[in-house]
């Protein structure tokens, strides 16, 4: 059997959120028309599954 190597992801090109993207995210945070609070979902996912 041949051993396979795991290819690493190059993260050097990712700069993160720009100021405009942060403002857009903040503007739309919690603006879903459903009764689901996405912040609660995010906290549940972060703390229960990891």
Protein backbone atom coordinates (compact mmCIF):
# COMPACT_ATOMS: atom_id res chain seq x y z
CA UNK A 1 0.00 0.00 0.00
CA UNK A 2 1.18 3.49 -0.79
CA UNK A 3 1.13 6.12 1.91
CA UNK A 4 -0.71 9.26 0.89
CA UNK A 5 0.41 12.68 1.97
CA UNK A 6 -2.03 15.33 3.09
CA UNK A 7 -1.86 18.47 1.01
CA UNK A 8 -1.77 21.58 3.18
CA UNK A 9 -4.04 24.52 2.37
CA UNK A 10 -2.21 27.71 1.44
CA UNK A 11 -3.69 30.41 3.70
CA UNK A 12 -1.21 33.14 2.79
CA UNK A 13 -3.56 34.67 0.19
CA UNK A 14 -6.43 35.12 2.65
CA UNK A 15 -6.42 38.54 4.24
CA UNK A 16 -9.53 38.17 6.40
CA UNK A 17 -12.44 40.59 6.43
CA UNK A 18 -11.99 44.04 5.04
CA UNK A 19 -13.59 47.06 6.69
CA UNK A 20 -16.41 47.06 4.12
CA UNK A 21 -17.09 43.36 4.60
CA UNK A 22 -17.14 43.79 8.39
CA UNK A 23 -19.69 46.61 8.08
CA UNK A 24 -21.84 44.51 5.75
CA UNK A 25 -21.68 41.52 8.11
CA UNK A 26 -22.59 43.70 11.09
CA UNK A 27 -25.50 45.21 9.15
CA UNK A 28 -26.98 41.81 8.29
CA UNK A 29 -26.22 40.06 11.56
CA UNK A 30 -29.48 38.83 13.07
CA UNK A 31 -31.57 40.17 10.18
CA UNK A 32 -32.98 36.77 9.16
CA UNK A 33 -36.75 36.69 8.86
CA UNK A 34 -36.97 33.30 10.58
CA UNK A 35 -37.32 32.83 14.33
CA UNK A 36 -33.88 31.19 14.52
CA UNK A 37 -31.23 33.29 16.23
CA UNK A 38 -28.09 32.62 14.20
CA UNK A 39 -25.88 33.78 17.07
CA UNK A 40 -27.31 30.99 19.24
CA UNK A 41 -26.70 28.50 16.44
CA UNK A 42 -23.12 29.70 16.10
CA UNK A 43 -22.49 29.37 19.86
CA UNK A 44 -24.09 25.92 19.91
CA UNK A 45 -21.95 24.77 16.98
CA UNK A 46 -18.78 26.23 18.49
CA UNK A 47 -19.16 24.82 21.99
CA UNK A 48 -21.15 21.61 21.48
CA UNK A 49 -19.47 20.20 18.40
CA UNK A 50 -15.85 21.18 18.90
